Protein backbone atom coordinates (compact mmCIF):
# COMPACT_ATOMS: atom_id res chain seq x y z
CA MET A 1 -13.68 10.74 42.42
CA LYS A 2 -13.53 12.35 38.96
CA LYS A 3 -10.89 9.88 37.75
CA LYS A 4 -12.97 6.96 39.05
CA LEU A 5 -16.03 8.19 37.15
CA ILE A 6 -13.98 8.62 33.97
CA TYR A 7 -12.58 5.11 34.36
CA LEU A 8 -16.10 3.70 34.89
CA TYR A 9 -17.33 5.50 31.77
CA ARG A 10 -14.45 4.11 29.71
CA TRP A 11 -14.97 0.64 31.17
CA ILE A 12 -18.60 0.75 30.04
CA MET A 13 -17.69 2.05 26.57
CA TRP A 14 -15.04 -0.66 26.19
CA ASN A 15 -17.19 -3.57 27.35
CA VAL A 16 -20.61 -2.47 26.06
CA LEU A 17 -19.58 -0.92 22.74
CA SER A 18 -16.04 -1.87 21.68
CA ARG A 19 -15.75 -5.54 22.58
CA PRO A 20 -19.19 -6.51 21.20
CA PHE A 21 -18.33 -4.69 17.96
CA VAL A 22 -15.09 -6.65 17.70
CA PHE A 23 -16.85 -9.98 18.29
CA LEU A 24 -19.75 -9.19 15.94
CA TYR A 25 -17.87 -7.54 13.07
CA ILE A 26 -14.08 -7.64 13.22
CA LYS A 27 -13.71 -11.27 14.32
CA PRO A 28 -15.89 -12.73 11.51
CA ALA A 29 -14.30 -10.37 8.97
CA TYR A 30 -10.66 -10.98 9.94
CA ARG A 31 -11.03 -14.49 11.42
CA PHE A 32 -8.54 -13.93 14.20
CA THR A 33 -8.00 -16.41 17.00
CA ARG A 34 -5.73 -16.74 20.02
CA THR A 35 -3.10 -19.46 19.67
CA PRO A 36 -2.79 -22.38 22.12
CA GLY A 37 -0.33 -21.53 24.86
CA SER A 38 -1.10 -17.82 24.77
CA GLN A 39 -1.18 -16.30 28.23
CA SER A 40 -3.93 -14.24 29.82
CA PHE A 41 -3.55 -10.55 30.48
CA PRO A 42 -2.42 -9.60 34.00
CA ARG A 43 -4.25 -7.05 36.09
CA PRO A 44 -3.54 -3.48 34.95
CA PRO A 45 -1.54 -1.43 34.66
CA PHE A 46 0.55 -3.14 31.99
CA VAL A 47 2.02 -2.23 28.59
CA VAL A 48 0.97 -4.06 25.43
CA ILE A 49 3.26 -4.03 22.40
CA ALA A 50 2.50 -5.71 19.07
CA ASN A 51 3.60 -5.81 15.47
CA HIS A 52 1.42 -3.61 13.28
CA GLY A 53 -0.12 -4.75 10.01
CA THR A 54 -3.65 -3.40 9.81
CA PHE A 55 -5.91 -0.70 11.23
CA PHE A 56 -7.84 -3.06 13.53
CA ASP A 57 -4.78 -4.49 15.30
CA PRO A 58 -5.47 -2.63 18.59
CA TRP A 59 -8.94 -4.11 18.85
CA MET A 60 -7.81 -7.62 17.93
CA CYS A 61 -5.30 -7.34 20.78
CA GLY A 62 -7.59 -5.59 23.24
CA VAL A 63 -10.68 -7.76 22.88
CA TYR A 64 -9.10 -10.31 25.21
CA SER A 65 -9.08 -7.74 28.03
CA ARG A 66 -12.12 -6.59 29.96
CA TYR A 67 -10.11 -3.56 31.09
CA PRO A 68 -10.40 -0.52 28.76
CA PHE A 69 -7.31 -0.20 26.55
CA ALA A 70 -5.59 3.18 26.36
CA ILE A 71 -4.47 3.01 22.73
CA MET A 72 -1.68 5.25 21.43
CA CYS A 73 -3.05 6.34 18.03
CA ASN A 74 -1.83 8.24 15.00
CA ASP A 75 -2.86 11.84 15.64
CA ASP A 76 -4.51 11.95 12.21
CA ALA A 77 -7.28 9.73 13.59
CA PHE A 78 -8.28 12.61 15.86
CA ARG A 79 -8.88 14.79 12.77
CA GLY A 80 -11.60 12.44 11.55
CA PRO A 81 -15.38 12.82 11.80
CA PRO A 82 -16.77 13.97 15.18
CA ILE A 83 -18.13 10.50 15.98
CA THR A 84 -14.64 9.01 15.47
CA ARG A 85 -13.04 11.58 17.76
CA TRP A 86 -15.75 11.01 20.36
CA TYR A 87 -15.30 7.24 20.27
CA LEU A 88 -11.51 7.35 20.56
CA LYS A 89 -11.65 9.74 23.51
CA SER A 90 -14.41 7.72 25.16
CA ILE A 91 -12.26 4.58 25.37
CA GLY A 92 -9.15 6.47 26.52
CA ALA A 93 -7.21 6.50 23.25
CA TYR A 94 -4.76 9.38 22.86
CA PRO A 95 -2.82 10.89 19.94
CA LYS A 96 0.83 10.57 18.97
CA LYS A 97 2.46 12.24 16.01
CA LYS A 98 3.10 9.51 13.47
CA GLY A 99 6.69 8.63 12.66
CA ALA A 100 8.26 10.94 15.25
CA SER A 101 9.18 11.13 18.90
CA ASP A 102 6.35 12.78 20.82
CA PHE A 103 7.15 13.84 24.38
CA ALA A 104 3.53 14.76 25.16
CA ALA A 105 2.37 11.27 24.10
CA MET A 106 5.02 9.70 26.32
CA LYS A 107 3.79 11.73 29.29
CA THR A 108 0.21 10.69 28.57
CA THR A 109 1.31 7.05 28.46
CA ILE A 110 2.80 7.28 31.95
CA ALA A 111 -0.28 9.14 33.23
CA ARG A 112 -2.67 6.49 31.83
CA MET A 113 -0.76 3.71 33.56
CA ARG A 114 -0.73 5.62 36.85
CA ASP A 115 -4.52 5.80 36.51
CA GLY A 116 -4.68 2.01 36.21
CA TYR A 117 -5.09 1.51 32.46
CA PRO A 118 -3.36 -1.01 30.23
CA VAL A 119 -1.60 0.93 27.46
CA CYS A 120 -1.30 -0.38 23.89
CA ILE A 121 1.73 0.76 21.86
CA PHE A 122 2.96 -0.23 18.40
CA PRO A 123 6.72 0.36 18.56
CA GLU A 124 7.07 0.44 14.74
CA GLY A 125 5.04 3.65 14.74
CA GLN A 126 3.14 2.66 11.58
CA THR A 127 1.87 -0.39 9.73
CA THR A 128 4.41 -2.59 7.99
CA TRP A 129 5.17 -1.83 4.35
CA ASP A 130 5.99 -5.33 3.10
CA GLY A 131 4.70 -7.66 5.82
CA GLU A 132 7.91 -7.70 7.88
CA THR A 133 8.09 -5.99 11.25
CA GLN A 134 9.85 -2.65 10.82
CA LEU A 135 12.51 -1.09 13.00
CA MET A 136 11.23 0.05 16.39
CA TYR A 137 11.41 3.59 17.64
CA LYS A 138 13.65 3.64 20.66
CA GLY A 139 12.05 4.89 23.88
CA THR A 140 9.26 2.41 24.50
CA GLU A 141 11.65 0.24 26.52
CA ARG A 142 12.40 3.18 28.84
CA ILE A 143 8.68 3.77 29.42
CA ILE A 144 8.20 0.11 30.34
CA ARG A 145 11.11 0.11 32.78
CA LYS A 146 9.97 3.40 34.33
CA ALA A 147 6.41 2.10 34.76
CA ARG A 148 7.64 -1.01 36.63
CA CYS A 149 4.71 -3.03 35.35
CA PRO A 150 4.31 -6.22 33.29
CA LEU A 151 4.90 -6.22 29.55
CA VAL A 152 2.48 -8.04 27.26
CA ALA A 153 3.98 -8.86 23.86
CA ILE A 154 1.53 -9.82 21.12
CA ARG A 155 2.60 -11.33 17.82
CA LEU A 156 0.04 -11.15 15.01
CA GLN A 157 0.44 -13.56 12.08
CA GLY A 158 -1.54 -12.86 8.91
CA ASN A 159 -2.74 -9.34 9.69
CA PHE A 160 -0.76 -7.81 6.82
CA LEU A 161 -1.87 -10.47 4.34
CA THR A 162 -5.49 -9.95 5.38
CA ARG A 163 -5.34 -6.25 4.44
CA PRO A 164 -2.05 -4.82 3.09
CA TRP A 165 -1.85 -1.07 3.71
CA TRP A 166 -1.83 -0.28 -0.01
CA ALA A 167 -4.75 -2.56 -0.92
CA HIS A 168 -8.28 -1.54 -1.93
CA ALA A 169 -9.94 -4.82 -0.95
CA GLN A 170 -9.71 -7.06 2.09
CA ARG A 171 -8.57 -10.67 1.72
CA ARG A 172 -10.18 -13.75 3.19
CA GLY A 173 -7.69 -15.46 5.47
CA ARG A 174 -6.96 -15.84 9.16
CA ILE A 175 -4.93 -14.08 11.86
CA LEU A 176 -3.17 -15.84 14.74
CA VAL A 177 -2.77 -13.91 18.00
CA THR A 178 0.02 -15.06 20.34
CA ILE A 179 0.18 -13.42 23.77
CA LYS A 180 3.20 -13.60 26.07
CA VAL A 181 3.45 -11.88 29.46
CA ILE A 182 6.82 -10.77 30.86
CA PRO A 183 6.54 -10.05 34.61
CA ALA A 184 7.73 -6.74 36.03
CA GLU A 185 10.37 -8.55 38.10
CA GLU A 186 11.96 -10.02 34.97
CA ILE A 187 11.94 -6.64 33.23
CA ALA A 188 13.67 -5.02 36.21
CA ARG A 189 16.63 -7.36 35.70
CA LEU A 190 17.12 -6.31 32.06
CA SER A 191 19.08 -3.35 30.71
CA ASP A 192 17.40 -1.02 28.22
CA SER A 193 19.25 -2.64 25.33
CA ASP A 194 18.38 -6.17 26.50
CA LEU A 195 14.72 -5.21 26.89
CA LEU A 196 14.68 -3.65 23.42
CA SER A 197 16.16 -6.84 21.95
CA LEU A 198 13.57 -8.96 23.78
CA MET A 199 10.73 -6.78 22.49
CA LYS A 200 12.00 -7.02 18.92
CA ARG A 201 12.24 -10.81 19.14
CA LEU A 202 8.80 -11.30 20.67
CA ILE A 203 6.84 -9.28 18.10
CA TYR A 204 8.93 -9.98 14.98
CA GLN A 205 6.86 -11.24 12.07
CA ASP A 206 7.37 -11.70 8.32
CA ASP A 207 3.92 -12.30 6.92
CA VAL A 208 4.99 -12.95 3.32
CA ARG A 209 7.66 -15.55 4.16
CA ASP A 210 5.97 -17.13 7.22
CA GLU A 211 5.60 -20.88 6.59
CA ALA A 212 2.43 -21.02 8.69
CA ASN A 213 0.89 -18.29 6.54
CA LEU A 214 1.95 -19.99 3.30
CA ALA A 215 0.22 -23.16 4.49
CA ALA A 216 -2.99 -21.27 5.32
CA ALA A 217 -5.67 -20.39 2.78
CA PHE A 218 -5.79 -16.72 1.80
CA SER A 219 -7.97 -15.52 -1.05
CA GLY A 220 -9.58 -12.38 -2.42
CA HIS A 221 -10.34 -10.24 -5.45
CA ASP A 222 -8.55 -7.24 -6.97
CA LEU A 223 -5.43 -8.44 -5.18
CA ALA A 224 -3.02 -6.15 -7.06
CA LEU A 225 -5.22 -3.05 -7.02
CA GLY A 226 -3.37 -0.23 -5.27
CA LEU A 227 0.07 -1.89 -5.36
CA GLU A 228 1.46 1.07 -7.33
CA ARG A 229 1.21 3.00 -4.06
CA PHE A 230 4.08 0.82 -2.82
CA VAL A 231 6.24 -0.07 -5.85
CA TRP A 232 7.16 2.24 -8.73
CA ILE A 233 10.19 0.60 -10.43
CA CYS A 234 9.58 -2.09 -13.05
CA MET A 235 11.55 -5.20 -12.10
CA THR A 236 12.00 -6.07 -15.79
CA CYS A 237 13.02 -2.82 -17.53
CA SER A 238 13.68 -0.51 -14.50
CA ALA A 239 11.29 2.14 -15.83
CA GLU A 240 9.90 4.33 -13.05
CA ASP A 241 6.32 5.50 -12.45
CA ARG A 242 4.98 3.39 -15.31
CA LEU A 243 3.22 0.69 -13.31
CA GLU A 244 -0.54 0.30 -13.25
CA THR A 245 -2.82 -2.20 -11.57
CA ALA A 246 -6.13 -3.80 -12.42
CA GLY A 247 -7.70 -6.80 -10.74
CA ASP A 248 -4.93 -9.22 -9.78
CA ARG A 249 -2.43 -7.87 -12.35
CA ILE A 250 0.26 -5.22 -12.27
CA THR A 251 1.59 -4.10 -15.66
CA CYS A 252 4.47 -1.90 -16.83
CA ARG A 253 3.35 0.55 -19.51
CA ALA A 254 6.95 0.94 -20.68
CA CYS A 255 7.88 -2.66 -21.51
CA GLY A 256 4.56 -4.50 -21.22
CA ALA A 257 5.75 -6.84 -18.45
CA CYS A 258 2.77 -8.20 -16.55
CA PHE A 259 2.58 -10.08 -13.26
CA ARG A 260 -0.24 -11.64 -11.32
CA LEU A 261 -0.28 -11.15 -7.54
CA ASP A 262 -1.75 -13.86 -5.34
CA ALA A 263 -3.18 -13.50 -1.83
CA HIS A 264 0.17 -14.46 -0.26
CA CYS A 265 1.78 -11.48 -2.08
CA ARG A 266 3.73 -13.74 -4.41
CA LEU A 267 4.28 -12.73 -8.03
CA LYS A 268 3.65 -14.92 -11.07
CA PRO A 269 4.74 -13.61 -14.49
CA GLU A 270 2.26 -13.73 -17.31
CA PRO A 271 3.35 -15.60 -20.49
CA GLY A 272 6.10 -13.65 -22.25
CA THR A 273 7.29 -11.90 -19.07
CA ALA A 274 10.55 -12.82 -17.34
CA ALA A 275 10.34 -13.15 -13.55
CA ALA A 276 12.91 -11.08 -11.66
CA CYS A 277 11.26 -11.18 -8.21
CA LEU A 278 9.26 -13.90 -6.50
CA ASP A 279 7.23 -11.78 -4.07
CA ILE A 280 6.72 -8.17 -3.02
CA LYS A 281 9.45 -8.41 -0.37
CA GLU A 282 12.01 -9.27 -3.03
CA TRP A 283 10.62 -6.51 -5.24
CA TRP A 284 10.98 -4.06 -2.38
CA SER A 285 14.61 -5.15 -1.89
CA LEU A 286 15.24 -4.16 -5.52
CA HIS A 287 13.79 -0.72 -4.76
CA ARG A 288 15.99 -0.36 -1.68
CA ARG A 289 19.18 -1.16 -3.61
CA THR A 290 18.20 1.24 -6.39
CA ILE A 291 17.49 4.06 -3.94
CA ILE A 292 20.79 3.65 -2.08
CA ASP A 293 22.79 3.47 -5.34
CA ARG A 294 21.04 6.50 -6.87
CA ILE A 295 21.59 8.64 -3.77
CA ALA A 296 25.29 7.71 -3.75
CA ALA A 297 25.72 8.55 -7.44
CA ALA A 298 23.54 11.68 -7.67
CA THR A 299 24.92 15.21 -7.83
CA PRO A 300 23.59 17.63 -5.17
CA HIS A 301 21.03 19.21 -7.55
CA GLU A 302 20.01 16.10 -9.50
CA ALA A 303 16.36 15.13 -9.07
CA LEU A 304 16.00 11.77 -7.37
CA ALA A 305 12.20 11.81 -7.50
CA ARG A 306 9.71 13.99 -9.33
CA SER A 307 5.94 14.16 -9.68
CA PRO A 308 4.20 16.79 -11.83
CA ARG A 309 0.77 16.00 -10.34
CA ALA A 310 1.07 16.50 -6.59
CA LEU A 311 -1.63 18.24 -4.58
CA LEU A 312 -0.43 20.44 -1.70
CA GLN A 313 -2.40 20.50 1.55
CA THR A 314 -1.82 22.46 4.74
CA MET A 315 -3.76 22.86 7.95
CA GLY A 316 -6.86 25.04 7.76
CA ASP A 317 -9.57 25.89 10.25
CA ARG A 318 -10.86 23.28 12.70
CA ALA A 319 -7.61 21.31 12.61
CA ALA A 320 -8.37 19.90 9.15
CA PHE A 321 -6.11 19.86 6.09
CA VAL A 322 -7.29 21.78 3.03
CA ASN A 323 -6.13 21.79 -0.60
CA ARG A 324 -3.78 24.63 -1.57
CA GLY A 325 -3.27 23.78 -5.22
CA ALA A 326 -1.54 21.34 -7.56
CA GLY A 327 2.02 21.47 -8.78
CA GLU A 328 5.30 19.62 -9.26
CA LEU A 329 7.06 18.00 -6.32
CA SER A 330 10.76 17.20 -6.63
CA LEU A 331 13.49 15.88 -4.35
CA THR A 332 17.27 16.21 -4.55
CA ARG A 333 20.03 15.33 -2.11
CA GLU A 334 19.71 18.85 -0.70
CA GLN A 335 16.02 19.80 -0.70
CA LEU A 336 12.37 18.97 -1.24
CA ALA A 337 10.66 21.53 -3.50
CA PHE A 338 7.09 22.20 -4.62
CA HIS A 339 6.45 24.41 -7.65
CA PRO A 340 2.72 25.26 -7.95
CA ASP A 341 0.97 25.27 -11.32
CA ASP A 342 -0.42 28.68 -10.38
CA ARG A 343 2.44 30.99 -11.36
CA GLN A 344 1.14 33.62 -8.94
CA SER A 345 1.95 31.35 -5.98
CA ALA A 346 5.44 31.12 -4.56
CA ALA A 347 7.41 27.88 -4.66
CA LEU A 348 8.09 26.02 -1.44
CA CYS A 349 11.63 24.81 -0.78
CA PHE A 350 12.56 22.69 2.24
CA PRO A 351 16.30 22.08 2.82
CA LEU A 352 16.63 18.52 4.09
CA PRO A 353 18.15 19.51 7.48
CA GLU A 354 14.97 21.52 8.20
CA ILE A 355 12.63 18.55 7.64
CA ARG A 356 11.96 16.85 10.98
CA ASN A 357 9.32 14.26 10.11
CA TRP A 358 8.23 12.27 7.06
CA VAL A 359 5.36 9.76 6.92
CA ILE A 360 2.61 8.34 4.72
CA GLN A 361 -0.94 9.21 5.71
CA ARG A 362 -4.17 7.67 4.41
CA LYS A 363 -2.38 5.58 1.75
CA ASP A 364 -1.91 8.37 -0.84
CA ILE A 365 -0.39 11.24 1.16
CA PHE A 366 3.26 12.03 1.81
CA GLU A 367 3.59 14.33 4.84
CA VAL A 368 6.61 16.27 6.06
CA THR A 369 7.09 18.66 8.95
CA ALA A 370 9.30 21.74 8.59
CA HIS A 371 9.61 24.60 11.08
CA GLY A 372 6.71 23.13 13.07
CA VAL A 373 4.31 23.15 10.08
CA ASP A 374 2.87 19.99 8.50
CA TYR A 375 2.78 19.90 4.69
CA ARG A 376 0.96 17.16 2.81
CA PHE A 377 1.34 16.09 -0.80
CA GLU A 378 -1.43 13.88 -2.14
CA PHE A 379 -0.98 11.66 -5.19
CA ASN A 380 -3.43 9.91 -7.48
CA ARG A 381 -2.35 6.41 -8.56
CA GLU A 382 1.28 7.24 -7.85
CA SER A 383 3.59 6.01 -5.11
CA PRO A 384 3.84 8.02 -1.88
CA MET A 385 6.27 5.31 -0.73
CA LYS A 386 8.81 6.56 -3.26
CA TRP A 387 9.04 9.87 -1.41
CA LEU A 388 9.14 8.31 2.02
CA ALA A 389 11.83 5.81 1.01
CA TYR A 390 14.12 8.41 -0.57
CA MET A 391 13.64 10.71 2.41
CA ARG A 392 14.45 7.91 4.84
CA TYR A 393 17.72 6.98 3.16
CA LEU A 394 18.71 10.60 2.62
CA LYS A 395 18.24 11.13 6.36
CA GLY A 396 20.36 8.19 7.50
CA TYR A 397 18.06 5.16 7.54
CA GLU A 398 20.93 2.83 6.58
CA GLU A 399 22.55 3.62 9.91
CA CYS A 400 19.25 2.84 11.68
CA GLU A 401 19.18 -0.53 9.90
CA ARG A 402 22.74 -1.29 11.01
CA ARG A 403 22.09 -0.56 14.68
CA GLY A 404 18.56 -2.05 14.67
CA TRP A 405 16.35 0.83 15.85
CA ILE A 406 15.23 4.40 15.13
CA GLU A 407 16.04 7.20 17.56
């Protein structure tokens, strides 16, 4: 009886609060629409997977269901204001530690489906960095096979272009939602590896290079503002941490190179600037090559990345992060180190084998987990992606790219 009452409560919250909000606010703002040929959701339980490009993806997927979605969310969302925590719990959302395997979240997923809910999972574990679907975390395919229920794969086109994770302002564009249902009987005939390959194919998207997106009208203002959160190497002179943005322009303070970014994330050099990259995907490829080469050539104690203006945060009372002081953050092939400006405070040194998790939170925060403790380093107009990217490739991300998934 208690579970039935909880389900009824969540059904009411989903259909009386969430879906009207999506239709009244999110749909006009993001202009999303279901594509012709998209299938209808089956009766629950079922698992929804989708590529992830913006915060509102779960609601753009879930609005087509009258059944309350149990959304697997970044656990940081449950540290927000009380009204946010109340809302997420009221619709059946549940936390998962971002960027890491989370056994408790997996158990909750199975429990939600046993209670008759559709479960929404984003196998990338975070929003895309450059508009292309990232590697999936392995394990979702095992949950789907164990649940013996239908799989609903949703491909979103234009969600990244509408609001890149690093951006300050939303763009005016459109999002296409394509829904495909794979029956439980078909899933039962697939091996784990075959199911994983099918999932990757069904939700793969490259927003920046998608011909349908390039043919669609996207527009906005301050299009480059915030891009220095993502890129930090000048494509013209290779200077690092000298990029700044204003309006639609990104400029290198070292060589003066200046580029204009359009709403499709393509780059146009200003007069007098030589173009080395055509779009942010190509620019990110330059970063990737530089990172891999620098790691291979660096000595064990050579600094690969350094920031003298990082702000350390750790968990305080009431499950909220609090500031612990500013200092210099540095990374070598062997360790991540924080040296506080306050000479009375001890330095923090994290040998790389002791770091178990590394993610970006809230656009400007680089978070790592060591010995079960979460440490956050917040930056102001600097790139948290630099730290995540170096950490990824120091911890074997090239091998993940070769095999096609993350353990």
